[in-house]
N, C-alpha and C. Protein backbone atom coordinates (compact mmCIF):
# COMPACT_ATOMS: atom_id res chain seq x y z
N MET A 1 67.22 40.51 25.50
CA MET A 1 66.80 40.11 24.29
C MET A 1 66.97 38.81 24.15
N LYS A 2 67.97 38.06 24.87
CA LYS A 2 68.12 36.65 24.45
C LYS A 2 66.95 35.93 24.97
N PRO A 3 66.32 35.99 26.05
CA PRO A 3 64.97 35.44 26.42
C PRO A 3 63.92 35.54 25.53
N ASN A 4 63.92 36.87 25.17
CA ASN A 4 62.64 36.99 23.81
C ASN A 4 63.07 36.22 22.68
N PHE A 5 63.99 36.26 22.23
CA PHE A 5 64.31 35.52 21.19
C PHE A 5 64.21 33.97 21.47
N TRP A 6 64.44 33.30 22.36
CA TRP A 6 64.06 31.83 23.01
C TRP A 6 62.70 31.92 22.97
N LEU A 7 62.04 32.58 23.67
CA LEU A 7 60.60 32.47 23.83
C LEU A 7 59.99 32.55 22.36
N TYR A 8 60.20 33.28 21.41
CA TYR A 8 59.75 33.53 20.08
C TYR A 8 59.98 32.15 19.38
N GLY A 9 61.23 31.78 19.64
CA GLY A 9 61.73 30.32 18.83
C GLY A 9 60.79 29.21 19.32
N LEU A 10 60.27 29.10 20.69
CA LEU A 10 60.15 28.19 21.22
C LEU A 10 58.53 28.07 20.92
N LEU A 11 57.75 29.39 20.75
CA LEU A 11 56.58 29.30 20.27
C LEU A 11 56.39 28.99 19.01
N THR A 12 57.32 29.47 18.08
CA THR A 12 57.12 28.90 16.82
C THR A 12 57.25 27.57 16.40
N VAL A 13 58.09 26.70 17.27
CA VAL A 13 58.21 25.34 17.18
C VAL A 13 56.99 24.63 17.54
N ILE A 14 56.40 25.18 18.80
CA ILE A 14 54.95 24.63 19.17
C ILE A 14 53.83 24.90 17.97
N VAL A 15 53.69 26.12 17.69
CA VAL A 15 52.61 26.22 16.56
C VAL A 15 52.98 25.27 15.32
N PHE A 16 54.15 25.38 14.82
CA PHE A 16 54.34 24.39 13.71
C PHE A 16 54.09 22.81 13.86
N SER A 17 54.57 22.51 15.25
CA SER A 17 54.31 20.90 15.41
C SER A 17 53.24 20.71 15.73
N CYS A 18 52.22 21.38 16.08
CA CYS A 18 50.90 21.23 16.20
C CYS A 18 49.92 21.24 14.76
N LYS A 19 50.55 21.74 13.96
CA LYS A 19 49.71 21.92 12.70
C LYS A 19 49.60 20.22 12.32
N GLU A 20 48.34 20.17 11.90
CA GLU A 20 47.74 18.74 11.42
C GLU A 20 48.09 18.68 9.56
N GLU A 21 48.72 17.73 9.68
CA GLU A 21 48.95 17.03 7.92
C GLU A 21 47.44 16.63 7.44
N PRO A 22 46.98 17.45 6.28
CA PRO A 22 46.12 16.85 5.58
C PRO A 22 45.96 15.21 5.32
N LYS A 23 44.94 14.62 5.46
CA LYS A 23 44.89 13.20 5.10
C LYS A 23 44.23 12.90 4.01
N ILE A 24 45.44 12.30 3.19
CA ILE A 24 44.79 11.89 1.83
C ILE A 24 43.84 10.58 1.90
N GLN A 25 42.74 10.79 1.16
CA GLN A 25 41.92 9.48 1.12
C GLN A 25 42.04 8.88 -0.18
N ASP A 26 42.19 7.59 -0.18
CA ASP A 26 42.28 6.61 -1.19
C ASP A 26 41.27 6.52 -1.89
N SER A 27 39.99 6.59 -1.53
CA SER A 27 38.66 6.69 -2.11
C SER A 27 37.64 7.59 -1.55
N LEU A 28 36.69 7.65 -2.44
CA LEU A 28 35.74 8.68 -2.38
C LEU A 28 34.66 8.00 -1.86
N VAL A 29 34.79 6.72 -1.08
CA VAL A 29 34.07 6.44 -0.02
C VAL A 29 34.27 6.98 1.35
N THR A 30 33.30 7.57 2.03
CA THR A 30 33.90 8.17 3.01
C THR A 30 33.19 7.72 4.54
N ASN A 31 32.57 6.84 4.71
CA ASN A 31 32.39 6.43 5.96
C ASN A 31 31.97 4.93 6.16
N SER A 32 31.83 4.32 7.23
CA SER A 32 31.96 3.05 7.36
C SER A 32 30.75 2.13 6.77
N THR A 33 29.62 2.91 6.55
CA THR A 33 28.56 2.20 5.74
C THR A 33 28.52 2.00 4.32
N SER A 34 29.53 2.98 3.79
CA SER A 34 29.80 3.30 2.51
C SER A 34 29.86 1.88 1.48
N PRO A 35 30.64 1.15 1.78
CA PRO A 35 30.75 -0.26 1.10
C PRO A 35 29.33 -0.82 0.94
N ASN A 36 28.38 -0.84 1.92
CA ASN A 36 27.16 -1.33 1.68
C ASN A 36 26.36 -0.55 0.84
N LEU A 37 26.46 0.93 0.85
CA LEU A 37 25.65 1.90 0.25
C LEU A 37 26.15 1.62 -1.36
N GLU A 38 27.70 1.50 -1.52
CA GLU A 38 28.02 1.24 -3.01
C GLU A 38 27.40 -0.03 -3.47
N ARG A 39 27.43 -1.15 -2.81
CA ARG A 39 26.72 -2.34 -3.18
C ARG A 39 25.45 -2.00 -3.65
N ILE A 40 24.56 -1.29 -3.05
CA ILE A 40 22.88 -0.97 -3.15
C ILE A 40 22.89 -0.31 -4.46
N ILE A 41 23.95 0.72 -4.66
CA ILE A 41 24.04 1.57 -5.95
C ILE A 41 24.25 0.58 -7.14
N ASN A 42 25.16 -0.30 -6.71
CA ASN A 42 25.56 -1.20 -8.02
C ASN A 42 24.23 -2.22 -8.40
N ASP A 43 23.84 -2.58 -7.30
CA ASP A 43 22.25 -3.39 -7.53
C ASP A 43 21.23 -2.72 -7.95
N TYR A 44 20.98 -1.39 -7.95
CA TYR A 44 20.14 -0.74 -8.27
C TYR A 44 20.49 -0.42 -9.81
N LYS A 45 21.62 -0.29 -10.18
CA LYS A 45 22.02 0.03 -11.77
C LYS A 45 21.69 -1.10 -11.96
N GLN A 46 21.83 -2.52 -11.66
CA GLN A 46 21.75 -3.59 -12.56
C GLN A 46 20.20 -4.11 -12.80
N CYS A 47 19.32 -3.49 -11.78
CA CYS A 47 18.02 -3.69 -11.98
C CYS A 47 17.50 -2.78 -13.07
N TRP A 48 18.08 -1.79 -13.21
CA TRP A 48 17.74 -0.93 -14.31
C TRP A 48 18.19 -1.47 -15.64
N ASN A 49 19.37 -2.02 -15.69
CA ASN A 49 20.06 -2.44 -16.94
C ASN A 49 19.51 -3.86 -17.18
N ASN A 50 19.18 -4.67 -16.55
CA ASN A 50 18.75 -6.21 -16.78
C ASN A 50 17.02 -6.02 -16.70
N ASN A 51 16.40 -4.83 -16.46
CA ASN A 51 15.13 -5.08 -16.41
C ASN A 51 14.53 -5.87 -15.35
N GLN A 52 15.10 -5.80 -14.11
CA GLN A 52 14.45 -6.67 -13.40
C GLN A 52 13.82 -5.90 -12.30
N PRO A 53 12.82 -5.34 -12.33
CA PRO A 53 12.35 -4.35 -11.37
C PRO A 53 11.57 -4.89 -10.29
N GLU A 54 11.55 -6.26 -10.09
CA GLU A 54 11.15 -7.18 -8.90
C GLU A 54 12.30 -6.68 -7.89
N SER A 55 13.35 -6.54 -8.47
CA SER A 55 14.59 -6.60 -7.51
C SER A 55 14.59 -5.38 -6.85
N PHE A 56 13.93 -4.28 -7.35
CA PHE A 56 13.72 -3.05 -6.65
C PHE A 56 13.28 -3.12 -5.24
N GLU A 57 12.71 -3.93 -4.90
CA GLU A 57 11.60 -3.77 -3.77
C GLU A 57 12.45 -4.04 -2.66
N CYS A 58 13.69 -4.82 -2.57
CA CYS A 58 14.30 -4.91 -1.43
C CYS A 58 15.25 -3.61 -1.46
N LEU A 59 15.50 -2.73 -2.24
CA LEU A 59 16.30 -1.77 -2.38
C LEU A 59 15.77 -0.45 -1.87
N LEU A 60 14.48 -0.32 -1.94
CA LEU A 60 13.67 1.07 -1.83
C LEU A 60 13.28 1.19 -0.36
N ALA A 61 13.35 2.30 0.14
CA ALA A 61 12.50 2.70 1.53
C ALA A 61 11.02 2.76 1.05
N GLU A 62 10.25 2.48 2.22
CA GLU A 62 8.81 2.35 1.97
C GLU A 62 8.21 3.98 1.46
N ASP A 63 8.88 5.16 1.66
CA ASP A 63 8.79 6.23 1.14
C ASP A 63 9.63 6.81 0.10
N PHE A 64 9.91 5.88 -0.60
CA PHE A 64 10.80 6.20 -1.86
C PHE A 64 10.39 7.19 -2.94
N LYS A 65 11.09 8.08 -3.57
CA LYS A 65 10.46 9.11 -4.46
C LYS A 65 11.73 9.17 -5.40
N ARG A 66 11.31 9.17 -6.86
CA ARG A 66 12.24 9.58 -7.84
C ARG A 66 11.83 10.77 -8.61
N PHE A 67 12.95 11.48 -8.79
CA PHE A 67 12.79 12.93 -9.35
C PHE A 67 13.76 12.76 -10.71
N SER A 68 13.00 13.48 -11.98
CA SER A 68 14.09 13.84 -12.85
C SER A 68 14.10 15.30 -13.39
N ASN A 69 15.11 15.82 -13.05
CA ASN A 69 15.06 17.42 -13.58
C ASN A 69 13.99 18.39 -12.64
N GLY A 70 13.95 17.49 -11.33
CA GLY A 70 12.81 18.22 -10.33
C GLY A 70 11.39 18.06 -10.32
N LYS A 71 11.40 17.04 -11.44
CA LYS A 71 9.70 16.56 -11.66
C LYS A 71 9.62 15.22 -10.98
N LEU A 72 8.66 14.95 -10.22
CA LEU A 72 8.26 13.90 -9.27
C LEU A 72 7.97 12.88 -10.57
N GLU A 73 8.81 11.65 -10.46
CA GLU A 73 8.44 10.41 -11.59
C GLU A 73 7.88 9.14 -10.94
N ALA A 74 8.10 8.78 -9.79
CA ALA A 74 7.62 7.74 -9.15
C ALA A 74 7.52 8.13 -7.63
N THR A 75 6.55 7.65 -7.04
CA THR A 75 6.70 7.68 -5.59
C THR A 75 6.69 6.22 -4.66
N ASN A 76 6.64 5.31 -5.52
CA ASN A 76 6.75 3.89 -4.80
C ASN A 76 7.18 2.72 -5.86
N TYR A 77 7.47 1.74 -5.32
CA TYR A 77 7.89 0.41 -6.22
C TYR A 77 7.22 0.43 -7.33
N GLU A 78 5.75 0.27 -7.45
CA GLU A 78 4.90 -0.03 -8.37
C GLU A 78 5.32 0.99 -9.54
N GLU A 79 5.23 2.31 -9.05
CA GLU A 79 5.48 3.42 -10.00
C GLU A 79 6.76 3.28 -10.69
N LEU A 80 7.93 3.09 -9.84
CA LEU A 80 9.16 2.93 -10.51
C LEU A 80 9.22 1.89 -11.50
N THR A 81 8.55 0.66 -10.94
CA THR A 81 8.45 -0.82 -12.10
C THR A 81 7.80 -0.21 -13.39
N ALA A 82 6.83 0.44 -13.32
CA ALA A 82 6.18 0.83 -14.55
C ALA A 82 7.07 1.85 -15.42
N LEU A 83 7.98 2.44 -14.66
CA LEU A 83 8.56 3.42 -15.48
C LEU A 83 9.93 2.58 -16.10
N VAL A 84 10.58 1.72 -15.38
CA VAL A 84 11.42 1.15 -15.96
C VAL A 84 11.07 0.02 -17.22
N ASN A 85 9.85 -0.57 -17.00
CA ASN A 85 9.38 -1.42 -17.87
C ASN A 85 9.16 -0.70 -19.08
N SER A 86 8.53 0.56 -19.07
CA SER A 86 8.32 1.45 -20.33
C SER A 86 9.67 1.64 -20.98
N LEU A 87 10.60 2.05 -20.28
CA LEU A 87 11.91 2.46 -20.87
C LEU A 87 12.44 1.40 -21.46
N HIS A 88 12.43 -0.08 -20.86
CA HIS A 88 13.05 -0.97 -21.95
C HIS A 88 11.98 -1.62 -22.95
N ASP A 89 10.74 -1.00 -22.89
CA ASP A 89 9.92 -1.11 -24.10
C ASP A 89 10.39 -0.46 -25.24
N TYR A 90 10.66 1.08 -25.01
CA TYR A 90 11.14 1.71 -26.07
C TYR A 90 12.87 1.65 -26.48
N ILE A 91 13.36 1.24 -25.45
CA ILE A 91 14.92 0.97 -25.72
C ILE A 91 15.42 -0.46 -25.04
N PRO A 92 15.04 -1.47 -25.75
CA PRO A 92 15.23 -2.77 -25.48
C PRO A 92 16.93 -2.85 -24.94
N ASP A 93 17.86 -2.57 -25.42
CA ASP A 93 19.10 -2.66 -25.10
C ASP A 93 19.37 -1.46 -24.14
N PHE A 94 18.80 -1.03 -23.43
CA PHE A 94 19.13 0.35 -22.60
C PHE A 94 20.15 -0.13 -21.52
N HIS A 95 21.37 0.63 -21.30
CA HIS A 95 22.17 0.35 -20.46
C HIS A 95 22.71 1.47 -19.78
N THR A 96 22.96 1.43 -18.62
CA THR A 96 23.58 2.65 -17.75
C THR A 96 24.81 2.34 -17.04
N GLU A 97 25.66 3.31 -17.04
CA GLU A 97 26.82 3.15 -16.47
C GLU A 97 27.01 4.35 -15.20
N VAL A 98 27.53 3.89 -13.99
CA VAL A 98 27.78 4.68 -13.04
C VAL A 98 29.00 5.07 -13.03
N LYS A 99 29.43 6.67 -12.97
CA LYS A 99 30.92 7.15 -13.12
C LYS A 99 30.99 8.10 -11.74
N ASP A 100 32.59 7.92 -11.48
CA ASP A 100 32.81 8.85 -10.53
C ASP A 100 31.72 8.69 -9.34
N LEU A 101 31.59 7.64 -8.60
CA LEU A 101 30.54 7.72 -7.52
C LEU A 101 31.55 8.12 -6.18
N VAL A 102 30.44 8.99 -5.70
CA VAL A 102 31.14 9.64 -4.48
C VAL A 102 30.01 9.40 -3.30
N ILE A 103 30.32 8.70 -2.23
CA ILE A 103 29.45 8.68 -1.15
C ILE A 103 29.95 9.28 0.15
N GLN A 104 28.92 10.24 0.33
CA GLN A 104 29.26 10.92 1.83
C GLN A 104 28.07 10.91 2.81
N ASP A 105 28.23 10.52 4.00
CA ASP A 105 27.06 10.12 4.97
C ASP A 105 26.26 9.36 4.20
N ASN A 106 24.74 9.87 4.33
CA ASN A 106 23.73 9.26 3.56
C ASN A 106 23.56 9.18 2.16
N LYS A 107 24.40 10.18 1.36
CA LYS A 107 24.21 10.18 0.01
C LYS A 107 25.23 9.77 -0.87
N ALA A 108 24.70 9.45 -2.19
CA ALA A 108 25.62 9.10 -3.22
C ALA A 108 25.49 10.06 -4.11
N PHE A 109 26.42 10.30 -4.83
CA PHE A 109 26.65 11.48 -6.09
C PHE A 109 27.49 10.66 -7.19
N TYR A 110 26.73 10.81 -8.34
CA TYR A 110 27.72 10.15 -9.29
C TYR A 110 27.17 10.60 -10.67
N ARG A 111 27.79 10.46 -11.75
CA ARG A 111 27.68 10.76 -12.95
C ARG A 111 27.11 9.48 -13.81
N TRP A 112 26.43 9.50 -14.52
CA TRP A 112 25.84 8.28 -15.46
C TRP A 112 25.82 8.72 -16.82
N GLU A 113 25.91 7.51 -17.37
CA GLU A 113 26.02 7.56 -19.10
C GLU A 113 25.05 6.47 -19.38
N CYS A 114 23.96 6.90 -20.04
CA CYS A 114 22.90 5.70 -20.47
C CYS A 114 23.01 5.73 -22.20
N THR A 115 23.29 4.51 -22.56
CA THR A 115 23.22 4.08 -24.11
C THR A 115 22.18 3.32 -24.17
N GLY A 116 21.74 3.31 -25.54
CA GLY A 116 20.64 2.52 -26.23
C GLY A 116 20.35 2.97 -27.53
N SER A 117 19.67 1.93 -28.12
CA SER A 117 19.15 2.24 -29.60
C SER A 117 17.81 2.29 -29.97
N PHE A 118 17.16 3.18 -30.34
CA PHE A 118 15.88 3.19 -30.47
C PHE A 118 15.09 4.51 -31.29
N ASN A 119 13.99 4.35 -32.00
CA ASN A 119 13.13 5.55 -32.70
C ASN A 119 11.91 5.30 -32.23
N GLU A 120 10.95 6.15 -32.71
CA GLU A 120 9.75 6.04 -32.26
C GLU A 120 8.79 4.72 -32.97
N ASN A 121 9.74 3.99 -33.98
CA ASN A 121 9.15 2.89 -34.94
C ASN A 121 9.67 1.57 -34.05
N GLY A 122 10.67 1.63 -33.08
CA GLY A 122 11.28 0.26 -32.81
C GLY A 122 12.85 0.59 -32.63
N THR A 123 13.42 -0.64 -32.53
CA THR A 123 14.91 -0.30 -32.44
C THR A 123 15.61 -0.04 -33.73
N THR A 124 16.85 0.62 -33.68
CA THR A 124 17.80 0.55 -34.66
C THR A 124 19.17 0.03 -34.31
N ASN A 125 19.96 -0.08 -35.44
CA ASN A 125 21.37 -0.20 -35.05
C ASN A 125 22.22 1.15 -34.60
N LEU A 126 21.57 2.24 -34.50
CA LEU A 126 22.39 3.45 -34.15
C LEU A 126 22.26 3.64 -32.48
N LYS A 127 23.37 3.24 -31.86
CA LYS A 127 23.46 3.65 -30.28
C LYS A 127 23.52 4.95 -30.30
N LYS A 128 22.66 5.33 -29.20
CA LYS A 128 22.67 6.80 -28.81
C LYS A 128 23.02 7.10 -27.25
N THR A 129 23.77 7.90 -26.69
CA THR A 129 24.19 8.07 -25.48
C THR A 129 23.62 9.50 -24.64
N ILE A 130 23.23 9.33 -23.56
CA ILE A 130 22.78 10.49 -23.00
C ILE A 130 23.61 10.51 -21.58
N ASN A 131 23.87 11.64 -20.96
CA ASN A 131 24.84 11.92 -20.03
C ASN A 131 23.98 12.76 -18.74
N GLY A 132 24.22 12.45 -17.60
CA GLY A 132 23.38 13.07 -16.53
C GLY A 132 24.30 12.70 -15.25
N PHE A 133 23.48 13.32 -14.22
CA PHE A 133 24.22 13.20 -12.92
C PHE A 133 22.94 12.77 -12.05
N ALA A 134 23.28 12.15 -10.85
CA ALA A 134 22.36 11.58 -10.00
C ALA A 134 22.90 11.96 -8.32
N VAL A 135 21.80 11.98 -7.71
CA VAL A 135 21.89 12.11 -6.23
C VAL A 135 20.94 10.98 -5.63
N ILE A 136 21.44 10.14 -4.74
CA ILE A 136 20.58 8.88 -3.92
C ILE A 136 20.90 9.27 -2.40
N THR A 137 19.79 9.63 -1.93
CA THR A 137 19.81 9.70 -0.66
C THR A 137 19.00 8.56 0.07
N PHE A 138 19.86 7.87 1.16
CA PHE A 138 19.79 6.58 1.88
C PHE A 138 18.79 6.85 3.05
N SER A 139 17.99 5.96 3.28
CA SER A 139 17.30 6.07 4.67
C SER A 139 17.99 5.73 5.84
N GLU A 140 17.89 5.74 7.06
CA GLU A 140 18.70 5.21 8.29
C GLU A 140 18.82 3.76 8.30
N ASP A 141 18.02 3.27 7.38
CA ASP A 141 18.47 1.51 7.42
C ASP A 141 19.06 1.42 6.21
N GLY A 142 19.73 2.10 5.34
CA GLY A 142 20.30 1.78 4.41
C GLY A 142 19.77 1.56 2.82
N LEU A 143 18.31 1.97 2.86
CA LEU A 143 17.62 1.79 1.71
C LEU A 143 17.51 3.12 0.87
N ILE A 144 17.24 2.89 -0.58
CA ILE A 144 17.22 4.22 -1.07
C ILE A 144 15.73 4.84 -0.86
N HIS A 145 15.96 6.25 -0.40
CA HIS A 145 14.72 7.13 -0.04
C HIS A 145 14.58 7.91 -1.04
N ARG A 146 15.62 8.42 -1.66
CA ARG A 146 15.30 9.35 -2.68
C ARG A 146 16.10 9.23 -3.78
N HIS A 147 15.50 9.45 -5.31
CA HIS A 147 16.64 9.37 -6.36
C HIS A 147 16.34 10.62 -7.03
N GLU A 148 17.29 11.64 -7.43
CA GLU A 148 17.41 12.70 -7.82
C GLU A 148 18.05 12.72 -9.16
N ASN A 149 17.46 12.79 -10.64
CA ASN A 149 18.06 12.48 -11.77
C ASN A 149 18.25 14.01 -12.25
N PHE A 150 19.32 14.29 -12.88
CA PHE A 150 19.57 15.42 -13.64
C PHE A 150 20.15 15.21 -14.82
N TYR A 151 19.71 15.82 -16.07
CA TYR A 151 20.48 15.82 -17.29
C TYR A 151 19.76 17.17 -18.27
N ASP A 152 20.68 17.17 -19.11
CA ASP A 152 20.04 18.37 -20.27
C ASP A 152 18.88 17.60 -21.11
N SER A 153 17.81 18.40 -20.73
CA SER A 153 16.68 17.81 -21.59
C SER A 153 16.55 18.12 -23.03
N LEU A 154 16.98 19.17 -23.45
CA LEU A 154 17.15 19.45 -24.79
C LEU A 154 18.07 18.83 -25.63
N GLU A 155 19.26 18.47 -24.87
CA GLU A 155 20.30 17.48 -25.45
C GLU A 155 19.73 16.05 -25.51
N ALA A 156 18.98 15.75 -24.56
CA ALA A 156 18.59 14.18 -24.56
C ALA A 156 17.58 14.32 -25.93
N PHE A 157 16.71 15.01 -26.24
CA PHE A 157 15.69 15.16 -27.09
C PHE A 157 16.35 15.07 -28.35
N LEU A 158 17.23 15.64 -28.70
CA LEU A 158 18.15 15.76 -30.01
C LEU A 158 18.75 14.62 -30.43
N ARG A 159 19.33 14.02 -29.18
CA ARG A 159 20.12 13.20 -29.26
C ARG A 159 19.17 11.82 -29.66
N LEU A 160 17.98 11.63 -28.85
CA LEU A 160 17.08 10.69 -29.32
C LEU A 160 16.07 10.81 -30.46
N LYS A 161 15.97 12.04 -30.77
CA LYS A 161 14.81 12.32 -32.00
C LYS A 161 15.62 11.44 -33.33
N THR A 162 14.59 10.96 -33.98
CA THR A 162 15.07 10.24 -35.18
C THR A 162 15.51 11.37 -36.48
N PRO A 163 16.60 11.66 -36.72
CA PRO A 163 16.90 12.59 -37.72
C PRO A 163 16.11 12.39 -39.07
N THR A 164 15.46 13.39 -39.60
CA THR A 164 14.98 13.45 -40.82
C THR A 164 16.16 13.91 -41.83
N LYS A 165 15.68 13.53 -43.25
CA LYS A 165 16.84 13.77 -44.15
C LYS A 165 17.31 15.26 -43.97
N GLY A 166 18.65 15.35 -44.04
CA GLY A 166 19.64 16.65 -43.92
C GLY A 166 19.80 17.04 -42.72
N GLU A 167 19.25 16.60 -41.53
CA GLU A 167 19.57 16.93 -40.41
C GLU A 167 20.93 16.45 -39.72
N VAL A 168 21.51 16.85 -38.58
CA VAL A 168 22.84 16.45 -38.28
C VAL A 168 22.47 15.85 -37.02
N VAL A 169 23.07 14.53 -36.73
CA VAL A 169 22.87 13.74 -35.80
C VAL A 169 24.06 13.78 -34.59
N LEU A 170 23.52 14.01 -33.77
CA LEU A 170 24.66 14.37 -32.30
C LEU A 170 25.15 13.12 -32.01
N HIS A 171 26.27 12.79 -31.64
CA HIS A 171 27.04 11.76 -31.37
C HIS A 171 27.25 11.63 -29.76
């Protein structure tokens, strides 16, 4: 009986000593190229915020595509430039913030918050906010290959719509 007791004890020690402790990550950036990809995301955001579409060219892959809620919006640098310019025409104080950025392999995932003041007649002093989620896929050379943007289009419409007398305004 004693040999079996020692055998079970030895096996228990071996099993529990081989158990790997989970590693706690301090950052949501998970690979060696991530700091560069994080910089590209920040540069991309600044191009949108500062209406500097000429700066997109060095950030975008040759086969770049941008989608919003599954709809193809831009297939190249020129189309993205036109999109950003039209956005800033309607919302001159357009500003976006990247929140909760996670980079895994060649993809970046983040929530975004866009603010700006506008109505169909020009700018107003009433700031409006829209929230959404984005997935950016990078090419092998670290350029933005695909930008997928998701948001609640009904909520966006209601938030951006100029209220008529008696309508409730969403904040």
